[in-house]
Amino acid sequence: MQSFLKACDAVVEEAETKSLATLMNMPPVSLLQRANANYDGAWFNVKHLYALLLHTGDVRPLSALAGEFGYTIVKAVEPVPIDIHQALGRATLEFAEVTVETHSAMADGRVDQVERARILKEIAHAENALAQLKASVKVD
């Protein structure tokens, strides 16, 4: 909880507090108290966190909160839509490469670490190609 409050405190301190407090519909003193990591009565509810993220664009508090539970925050990158036929061809090719890599690895009856890494790399390529296909289908 402390790293979350420290992150909230840092974001509030670095922002123009009066303007931020106005956007968050609270007095500046209240915002400073709620975000003060050194104040035992400090507390941020979900609405405060949402407003802080929305109005500052700074995700450090969200990242700190996720980190306290063993997660990390990664910004999603949307795939760029392309011609649906090209997207289908790419997805098919990538899946074929997964199949070839997996069959090659299993030829001796076991999959070692290097082979596992190559298979996982090809799976990641196939997942990206499917995501691009999905984005391309949504456009048409």
Protein backbone atom coordinates (compact mmCIF):
# COMPACT_ATOMS: atom_id res chain seq x y z
CA MET A 1 0.00 0.00 0.00
CA GLN A 2 2.87 2.34 0.77
CA SER A 3 4.35 2.24 -2.74
CA PHE A 4 0.90 2.97 -4.16
CA LEU A 5 0.45 5.98 -1.89
CA LYS A 6 3.98 7.19 -2.67
CA ALA A 7 3.22 6.99 -6.39
CA CYS A 8 -0.06 8.89 -5.92
CA ASP A 9 1.76 11.48 -3.80
CA ALA A 10 4.46 11.93 -6.46
CA VAL A 11 1.93 12.40 -9.25
CA VAL A 12 -0.08 14.96 -7.25
CA GLU A 13 3.08 16.84 -6.22
CA GLU A 14 4.36 16.98 -9.80
CA ALA A 15 1.01 18.12 -11.22
CA GLU A 16 -0.44 21.57 -10.83
CA THR A 17 -2.35 20.63 -7.68
CA LYS A 18 -5.00 23.35 -7.82
CA SER A 19 -5.99 22.56 -11.40
CA LEU A 20 -5.87 18.82 -10.78
CA ALA A 21 -8.03 19.16 -7.66
CA THR A 22 -10.57 21.19 -9.61
CA LEU A 23 -10.71 18.51 -12.31
CA MET A 24 -11.15 15.88 -9.60
CA ASN A 25 -13.95 17.89 -7.92
CA MET A 26 -12.23 18.30 -4.56
CA PRO A 27 -10.42 21.03 -2.66
CA PRO A 28 -6.63 21.10 -3.20
CA VAL A 29 -6.01 20.52 0.53
CA SER A 30 -8.17 17.40 0.45
CA LEU A 31 -6.31 16.07 -2.59
CA LEU A 32 -2.95 16.69 -0.94
CA GLN A 33 -4.08 14.92 2.24
CA ARG A 34 -5.52 11.92 0.43
CA ALA A 35 -2.34 11.48 -1.61
CA ASN A 36 0.13 12.19 1.22
CA ALA A 37 2.12 8.98 1.70
CA ASN A 38 3.40 10.27 5.06
CA TYR A 39 -0.08 10.85 6.50
CA ASP A 40 -1.60 7.84 8.28
CA GLY A 41 -5.12 8.93 7.33
CA ALA A 42 -4.30 9.08 3.61
CA TRP A 43 -6.58 7.04 1.40
CA PHE A 44 -7.37 6.98 -2.27
CA ASN A 45 -10.53 5.27 -3.44
CA VAL A 46 -11.14 3.91 -6.92
CA LYS A 47 -12.83 7.11 -8.09
CA HIS A 48 -9.83 9.16 -6.96
CA LEU A 49 -7.41 6.80 -8.68
CA TYR A 50 -9.45 6.85 -11.89
CA ALA A 51 -9.61 10.65 -11.88
CA LEU A 52 -5.90 10.93 -11.16
CA LEU A 53 -5.04 8.61 -14.06
CA LEU A 54 -7.53 10.29 -16.38
CA HIS A 55 -6.44 13.87 -15.73
CA THR A 56 -2.69 13.35 -15.48
CA GLY A 57 -2.11 10.44 -17.85
CA ASP A 58 0.51 9.24 -15.37
CA VAL A 59 0.13 5.51 -14.67
CA ARG A 60 2.73 5.25 -11.88
CA PRO A 61 0.03 4.73 -9.20
CA LEU A 62 -1.61 1.98 -11.24
CA SER A 63 1.77 0.39 -11.87
CA ALA A 64 2.64 0.53 -8.16
CA LEU A 65 -0.71 -1.00 -7.22
CA ALA A 66 -0.29 -3.79 -9.76
CA GLY A 67 3.29 -4.35 -8.57
CA GLU A 68 2.10 -4.91 -5.01
CA PHE A 69 0.13 -7.91 -6.30
CA GLY A 70 2.91 -9.23 -8.54
CA TYR A 71 1.67 -7.80 -11.83
CA THR A 72 3.09 -5.31 -14.29
CA ILE A 73 1.30 -2.81 -16.50
CA VAL A 74 2.02 -2.99 -20.22
CA LYS A 75 0.38 -0.62 -22.67
CA ALA A 76 -1.51 -2.53 -25.33
CA VAL A 77 -0.46 -1.86 -28.90
CA GLU A 78 -3.27 -2.34 -31.37
CA PRO A 79 -2.26 -4.13 -34.58
CA VAL A 80 -2.50 -2.14 -37.78
CA PRO A 81 -5.22 -3.40 -40.12
CA ILE A 82 -4.05 -4.44 -43.58
CA ASP A 83 -5.75 -5.99 -46.59
CA ILE A 84 -7.70 -8.97 -45.29
CA HIS A 85 -6.18 -11.33 -47.87
CA GLN A 86 -2.66 -10.33 -46.84
CA ALA A 87 -3.56 -10.71 -43.18
CA LEU A 88 -5.00 -14.19 -43.79
CA GLY A 89 -1.92 -15.20 -45.77
CA ARG A 90 0.39 -14.00 -43.01
CA ALA A 91 -1.61 -15.83 -40.32
CA THR A 92 -1.58 -19.03 -42.36
CA LEU A 93 2.17 -18.76 -42.95
CA GLU A 94 2.88 -18.14 -39.26
CA PHE A 95 0.74 -21.10 -38.19
CA ALA A 96 2.55 -23.28 -40.70
CA GLU A 97 5.86 -22.18 -39.20
CA VAL A 98 4.61 -23.17 -35.73
CA THR A 99 3.68 -26.57 -37.11
CA VAL A 100 7.04 -27.09 -38.86
CA GLU A 101 9.04 -25.96 -35.82
CA THR A 102 7.04 -28.21 -33.48
CA HIS A 103 7.34 -31.26 -35.74
CA SER A 104 11.09 -30.69 -36.17
CA ALA A 105 11.55 -30.40 -32.41
CA MET A 106 9.60 -33.60 -31.76
CA ALA A 107 11.53 -35.64 -34.33
CA ASP A 108 13.77 -37.14 -31.66
CA GLY A 109 10.88 -37.73 -29.25
CA ARG A 110 11.64 -34.85 -26.90
CA VAL A 111 11.73 -31.05 -26.88
CA ASP A 112 14.79 -29.37 -25.38
CA GLN A 113 15.10 -25.78 -24.13
CA VAL A 114 16.37 -24.35 -27.41
CA GLU A 115 13.60 -26.05 -29.38
CA ARG A 116 11.02 -24.90 -26.83
CA ALA A 117 12.24 -21.30 -27.21
CA ARG A 118 11.96 -21.52 -31.02
CA ILE A 119 8.43 -22.96 -30.79
CA LEU A 120 7.34 -20.24 -28.37
CA LYS A 121 8.84 -17.58 -30.67
CA GLU A 122 6.85 -18.96 -33.60
CA ILE A 123 3.68 -19.08 -31.48
CA ALA A 124 4.19 -15.40 -30.60
CA HIS A 125 4.52 -14.59 -34.32
CA ALA A 126 1.32 -16.54 -35.03
CA GLU A 127 -0.53 -14.73 -32.22
CA ASN A 128 0.55 -11.37 -33.64
CA ALA A 129 -0.55 -12.41 -37.12
CA LEU A 130 -3.96 -13.54 -35.79
CA ALA A 131 -4.37 -10.23 -33.95
CA GLN A 132 -3.61 -8.39 -37.18
CA LEU A 133 -6.11 -10.59 -39.04
CA LYS A 134 -8.72 -9.81 -36.40
CA ALA A 135 -8.06 -6.07 -36.73
CA SER A 136 -8.26 -6.36 -40.52
CA VAL A 137 -11.58 -8.19 -40.37
CA LYS A 138 -13.05 -5.51 -38.09
CA VAL A 139 -12.18 -2.79 -40.64
CA ASP A 140 -13.96 -4.38 -43.62
